[in-house]
Amino acid sequence: MNFFKVIFISLLFIHISNVSMADSHDSEQNIIEKAKEINQKVKENQANTQTNISTEINNEEPLPLNDPFVGDSSLSGGNTMSLGDPKEAQNEMSLYKFKLVGVMSAERNQGFVTLINAAGDVITIRMFEELSPGVKLVAVNNKEAVFEKNSESLLVINFKNQISERSF
């Protein structure tokens, strides 16, 4: 008798497990529809977020671009000497309107300096080449560049944008 009870209970458990694990196509369709609805809501939220971000960006003022070689936005502040000659102050190619950003020297009479102005224009000058009329590069070392001014004096600029005028 125990044998029949074990078989009967086993068959009952198999039948109950098949019934409980039967596929429900209706619930799968509902899950797919719900997933589509959620996906549509996410897309709408993303579209709204993008329009909000773009309107915020369009309402803001553009930021100035900073050149890492220039440092602060003011080239004339702090470290430069005051100009005695007002004509020199108005000259666009005046040494006082530039910062020294790089030097390269090879042999004795060969060298280059790189200068940058407030607009971000980079100028590379070779040895004995003129920056402006009467201002010519005459010497370069790893700390400064020396310019000759009208065969009267020397202008020395260093990487701290300190410009000094020296006589011969």
C-alpha atoms as a PDB file:
ATOM      1  CA  MET A   1       0.000   0.000   0.000  1.00  0.00           C
ATOM      2  CA  ASN A   2       2.811   2.384   0.743  1.00  0.00           C
ATOM      3  CA  PHE A   3       4.080   1.945  -2.764  1.00  0.00           C
ATOM      4  CA  PHE A   4       0.776   3.147  -4.240  1.00  0.00           C
ATOM      5  CA  LYS A   5       0.661   6.117  -1.853  1.00  0.00           C
ATOM      6  CA  VAL A   6       4.156   7.231  -2.889  1.00  0.00           C
ATOM      7  CA  ILE A   7       3.295   6.961  -6.596  1.00  0.00           C
ATOM      8  CA  PHE A   8       0.000   8.757  -6.132  1.00  0.00           C
ATOM      9  CA  ILE A   9       1.604  11.615  -4.180  1.00  0.00           C
ATOM     10  CA  SER A  10       4.422  11.870  -6.738  1.00  0.00           C
ATOM     11  CA  LEU A  11       1.960  12.110  -9.630  1.00  0.00           C
ATOM     12  CA  LEU A  12      -0.053  14.689  -7.712  1.00  0.00           C
ATOM     13  CA  PHE A  13       3.049  16.876  -7.177  1.00  0.00           C
ATOM     14  CA  ILE A  14       4.020  16.582 -10.859  1.00  0.00           C
ATOM     15  CA  HIS A  15       0.513  17.618 -11.951  1.00  0.00           C
ATOM     16  CA  ILE A  16       0.431  20.573  -9.519  1.00  0.00           C
ATOM     17  CA  SER A  17       3.887  21.777 -10.620  1.00  0.00           C
ATOM     18  CA  ASN A  18       2.855  21.640 -14.316  1.00  0.00           C
ATOM     19  CA  VAL A  19      -0.290  23.632 -13.622  1.00  0.00           C
ATOM     20  CA  SER A  20       1.538  26.236 -11.542  1.00  0.00           C
ATOM     21  CA  MET A  21       4.273  26.724 -14.173  1.00  0.00           C
ATOM     22  CA  ALA A  22       2.007  26.983 -17.178  1.00  0.00           C
ATOM     23  CA  ASP A  23       2.734  29.870 -19.514  1.00  0.00           C
ATOM     24  CA  SER A  24       0.500  32.847 -19.290  1.00  0.00           C
ATOM     25  CA  HIS A  25       0.660  34.653 -22.623  1.00  0.00           C
ATOM     26  CA  ASP A  26      -1.575  37.429 -21.369  1.00  0.00           C
ATOM     27  CA  SER A  27       0.864  38.436 -18.634  1.00  0.00           C
ATOM     28  CA  GLU A  28       3.807  38.433 -21.103  1.00  0.00           C
ATOM     29  CA  GLN A  29       1.898  40.736 -23.439  1.00  0.00           C
ATOM     30  CA  ASN A  30       1.116  43.055 -20.531  1.00  0.00           C
ATOM     31  CA  ILE A  31       4.782  43.147 -19.496  1.00  0.00           C
ATOM     32  CA  ILE A  32       5.869  43.991 -23.062  1.00  0.00           C
ATOM     33  CA  GLU A  33       3.273  46.762 -23.312  1.00  0.00           C
ATOM     34  CA  LYS A  34       4.331  48.181 -19.947  1.00  0.00           C
ATOM     35  CA  ALA A  35       7.971  48.090 -21.022  1.00  0.00           C
ATOM     36  CA  LYS A  36       7.104  49.985 -24.208  1.00  0.00           C
ATOM     37  CA  GLU A  37       5.219  52.609 -22.197  1.00  0.00           C
ATOM     38  CA  ILE A  38       8.149  53.054 -19.793  1.00  0.00           C
ATOM     39  CA  ASN A  39      10.563  53.319 -22.717  1.00  0.00           C
ATOM     40  CA  GLN A  40       8.367  56.007 -24.318  1.00  0.00           C
ATOM     41  CA  LYS A  41       8.251  57.975 -21.030  1.00  0.00           C
ATOM     42  CA  VAL A  42      12.044  57.785 -20.696  1.00  0.00           C
ATOM     43  CA  LYS A  43      12.488  59.098 -24.252  1.00  0.00           C
ATOM     44  CA  GLU A  44      10.095  61.995 -23.550  1.00  0.00           C
ATOM     45  CA  ASN A  45      11.987  62.863 -20.350  1.00  0.00           C
ATOM     46  CA  GLN A  46      15.286  62.823 -22.217  1.00  0.00           C
ATOM     47  CA  ALA A  47      13.889  65.081 -24.935  1.00  0.00           C
ATOM     48  CA  ASN A  48      12.560  67.522 -22.312  1.00  0.00           C
ATOM     49  CA  THR A  49      15.891  67.485 -20.497  1.00  0.00           C
ATOM     50  CA  GLN A  50      17.794  68.182 -23.728  1.00  0.00           C
ATOM     51  CA  THR A  51      15.575  71.160 -24.565  1.00  0.00           C
ATOM     52  CA  ASN A  52      15.960  72.521 -21.019  1.00  0.00           C
ATOM     53  CA  ILE A  53      19.737  72.179 -21.202  1.00  0.00           C
ATOM     54  CA  SER A  54      19.919  73.809 -24.632  1.00  0.00           C
ATOM     55  CA  THR A  55      17.785  76.773 -23.509  1.00  0.00           C
ATOM     56  CA  GLU A  56      19.964  77.172 -20.408  1.00  0.00           C
ATOM     57  CA  ILE A  57      23.110  77.107 -22.533  1.00  0.00           C
ATOM     58  CA  ASN A  58      21.694  79.607 -25.016  1.00  0.00           C
ATOM     59  CA  ASN A  59      20.740  81.991 -22.194  1.00  0.00           C
ATOM     60  CA  GLU A  60      24.237  82.036 -20.683  1.00  0.00           C
ATOM     61  CA  GLU A  61      26.943  84.431 -21.776  1.00  0.00           C
ATOM     62  CA  PRO A  62      29.879  82.870 -23.610  1.00  0.00           C
ATOM     63  CA  LEU A  63      32.966  82.377 -21.485  1.00  0.00           C
ATOM     64  CA  PRO A  64      36.256  83.919 -22.606  1.00  0.00           C
ATOM     65  CA  LEU A  65      38.879  81.506 -23.819  1.00  0.00           C
ATOM     66  CA  ASN A  66      42.021  81.506 -21.717  1.00  0.00           C
ATOM     67  CA  ASP A  67      45.350  80.684 -23.241  1.00  0.00           C
ATOM     68  CA  PRO A  68      47.406  78.572 -20.828  1.00  0.00           C
ATOM     69  CA  PHE A  69      50.575  80.369 -21.919  1.00  0.00           C
ATOM     70  CA  VAL A  70      49.148  83.805 -21.208  1.00  0.00           C
ATOM     71  CA  GLY A  71      47.853  83.084 -17.719  1.00  0.00           C
ATOM     72  CA  ASP A  72      45.494  85.812 -16.609  1.00  0.00           C
ATOM     73  CA  SER A  73      43.496  87.823 -19.115  1.00  0.00           C
ATOM     74  CA  SER A  74      45.388  91.035 -18.458  1.00  0.00           C
ATOM     75  CA  LEU A  75      48.711  91.399 -20.211  1.00  0.00           C
ATOM     76  CA  SER A  76      49.286  94.903 -18.972  1.00  0.00           C
ATOM     77  CA  GLY A  77      48.674  94.234 -15.293  1.00  0.00           C
ATOM     78  CA  GLY A  78      51.117  93.973 -12.461  1.00  0.00           C
ATOM     79  CA  ASN A  79      54.536  93.057 -13.745  1.00  0.00           C
ATOM     80  CA  THR A  80      55.112  95.289 -16.744  1.00  0.00           C
ATOM     81  CA  MET A  81      56.915  98.603 -16.677  1.00  0.00           C
ATOM     82  CA  SER A  82      55.040 101.776 -17.359  1.00  0.00           C
ATOM     83  CA  LEU A  83      55.819 103.248 -20.709  1.00  0.00           C
ATOM     84  CA  GLY A  84      57.466 106.622 -20.856  1.00  0.00           C
ATOM     85  CA  ASP A  85      56.718 107.097 -24.538  1.00  0.00           C
ATOM     86  CA  PRO A  86      52.986 107.340 -25.409  1.00  0.00           C
ATOM     87  CA  LYS A  87      53.817 106.498 -29.029  1.00  0.00           C
ATOM     88  CA  GLU A  88      55.288 103.196 -27.793  1.00  0.00           C
ATOM     89  CA  ALA A  89      52.083 102.457 -25.849  1.00  0.00           C
ATOM     90  CA  GLN A  90      49.937 102.789 -28.972  1.00  0.00           C
ATOM     91  CA  ASN A  91      52.152 100.598 -31.159  1.00  0.00           C
ATOM     92  CA  GLU A  92      50.521  97.173 -31.622  1.00  0.00           C
ATOM     93  CA  MET A  93      53.898  95.468 -32.089  1.00  0.00           C
ATOM     94  CA  SER A  94      55.458  97.009 -28.990  1.00  0.00           C
ATOM     95  CA  LEU A  95      57.347  94.566 -26.784  1.00  0.00           C
ATOM     96  CA  TYR A  96      55.258  95.829 -23.856  1.00  0.00           C
ATOM     97  CA  LYS A  97      52.133  94.273 -25.418  1.00  0.00           C
ATOM     98  CA  PHE A  98      53.641  90.753 -25.472  1.00  0.00           C
ATOM     99  CA  LYS A  99      54.496  87.994 -23.016  1.00  0.00           C
ATOM    100  CA  LEU A 100      57.451  85.672 -23.446  1.00  0.00           C
ATOM    101  CA  VAL A 101      56.258  82.065 -23.708  1.00  0.00           C
ATOM    102  CA  GLY A 102      59.233  80.219 -25.142  1.00  0.00           C
ATOM    103  CA  VAL A 103      62.913  80.453 -26.006  1.00  0.00           C
ATOM    104  CA  MET A 104      65.113  78.143 -28.023  1.00  0.00           C
ATOM    105  CA  SER A 105      68.782  78.610 -28.608  1.00  0.00           C
ATOM    106  CA  ALA A 106      71.058  76.353 -30.610  1.00  0.00           C
ATOM    107  CA  GLU A 107      74.425  77.728 -31.555  1.00  0.00           C
ATOM    108  CA  ARG A 108      75.909  81.060 -30.637  1.00  0.00           C
ATOM    109  CA  ASN A 109      74.086  83.202 -33.195  1.00  0.00           C
ATOM    110  CA  GLN A 110      71.018  81.061 -33.662  1.00  0.00           C
ATOM    111  CA  GLY A 111      67.969  81.287 -31.480  1.00  0.00           C
ATOM    112  CA  PHE A 112      64.255  81.862 -31.462  1.00  0.00           C
ATOM    113  CA  VAL A 113      61.776  83.425 -29.061  1.00  0.00           C
ATOM    114  CA  THR A 114      58.032  82.968 -29.011  1.00  0.00           C
ATOM    115  CA  LEU A 115      55.825  85.821 -27.840  1.00  0.00           C
ATOM    116  CA  ILE A 116      52.058  86.022 -27.396  1.00  0.00           C
ATOM    117  CA  ASN A 117      49.801  89.061 -27.217  1.00  0.00           C
ATOM    118  CA  ALA A 118      46.459  89.641 -25.477  1.00  0.00           C
ATOM    119  CA  ALA A 119      44.506  88.469 -28.533  1.00  0.00           C
ATOM    120  CA  GLY A 120      46.316  85.111 -28.417  1.00  0.00           C
ATOM    121  CA  ASP A 121      48.394  85.738 -31.530  1.00  0.00           C
ATOM    122  CA  VAL A 122      51.678  83.851 -31.323  1.00  0.00           C
ATOM    123  CA  ILE A 123      54.779  85.340 -32.921  1.00  0.00           C
ATOM    124  CA  THR A 124      58.091  83.510 -33.290  1.00  0.00           C
ATOM    125  CA  ILE A 125      61.118  85.702 -33.936  1.00  0.00           C
ATOM    126  CA  ARG A 126      64.523  84.550 -35.107  1.00  0.00           C
ATOM    127  CA  MET A 127      67.813  86.019 -33.891  1.00  0.00           C
ATOM    128  CA  PHE A 128      68.471  89.524 -35.340  1.00  0.00           C
ATOM    129  CA  GLU A 129      64.902  89.765 -36.648  1.00  0.00           C
ATOM    130  CA  GLU A 130      62.829  92.844 -35.785  1.00  0.00           C
ATOM    131  CA  LEU A 131      59.678  92.666 -33.694  1.00  0.00           C
ATOM    132  CA  SER A 132      58.792  96.238 -34.585  1.00  0.00           C
ATOM    133  CA  PRO A 133      60.800  98.931 -36.358  1.00  0.00           C
ATOM    134  CA  GLY A 134      63.932  99.516 -34.293  1.00  0.00           C
ATOM    135  CA  VAL A 135      63.342  96.625 -31.842  1.00  0.00           C
ATOM    136  CA  LYS A 136      65.495  93.635 -32.816  1.00  0.00           C
ATOM    137  CA  LEU A 137      66.242  90.348 -31.022  1.00  0.00           C
ATOM    138  CA  VAL A 138      69.956  90.215 -30.170  1.00  0.00           C
ATOM    139  CA  ALA A 139      70.364  87.585 -27.434  1.00  0.00           C
ATOM    140  CA  VAL A 140      68.543  84.599 -25.953  1.00  0.00           C
ATOM    141  CA  ASN A 141      69.148  82.472 -22.879  1.00  0.00           C
ATOM    142  CA  ASN A 142      66.975  80.049 -20.927  1.00  0.00           C
ATOM    143  CA  LYS A 143      65.570  82.795 -18.667  1.00  0.00           C
ATOM    144  CA  GLU A 144      65.117  85.843 -20.894  1.00  0.00           C
ATOM    145  CA  ALA A 145      65.255  87.425 -24.311  1.00  0.00           C
ATOM    146  CA  VAL A 146      67.194  90.612 -25.077  1.00  0.00           C
ATOM    147  CA  PHE A 147      66.061  93.092 -27.697  1.00  0.00           C
ATOM    148  CA  GLU A 148      68.026  96.057 -28.987  1.00  0.00           C
ATOM    149  CA  LYS A 149      65.993  99.269 -29.174  1.00  0.00           C
ATOM    150  CA  ASN A 150      67.100 101.759 -31.860  1.00  0.00           C
ATOM    151  CA  SER A 151      70.794 101.064 -31.135  1.00  0.00           C
ATOM    152  CA  GLU A 152      70.358 103.123 -27.962  1.00  0.00           C
ATOM    153  CA  SER A 153      69.374 100.645 -25.249  1.00  0.00           C
ATOM    154  CA  LEU A 154      68.448  97.050 -24.542  1.00  0.00           C
ATOM    155  CA  LEU A 155      64.992  95.734 -23.612  1.00  0.00           C
ATOM    156  CA  VAL A 156      65.071  92.522 -21.574  1.00  0.00           C
ATOM    157  CA  ILE A 157      61.907  90.425 -21.110  1.00  0.00           C
ATOM    158  CA  ASN A 158      61.681  87.361 -18.885  1.00  0.00           C
ATOM    159  CA  PHE A 159      59.052  84.673 -18.301  1.00  0.00           C
ATOM    160  CA  LYS A 160      57.451  86.648 -15.475  1.00  0.00           C
ATOM    161  CA  ASN A 161      56.666  89.373 -18.043  1.00  0.00           C
ATOM    162  CA  GLN A 162      59.077  91.768 -16.377  1.00  0.00           C
ATOM    163  CA  ILE A 163      60.517  94.129 -18.944  1.00  0.00           C
ATOM    164  CA  SER A 164      63.564  96.175 -18.070  1.00  0.00           C
ATOM    165  CA  GLU A 165      65.412  98.724 -20.136  1.00  0.00           C
ATOM    166  CA  ARG A 166      69.204  98.753 -19.898  1.00  0.00           C
ATOM    167  CA  SER A 167      71.743 101.008 -21.500  1.00  0.00           C
ATOM    168  CA  PHE A 168      74.842  99.709 -23.300  1.00  0.00           C
END
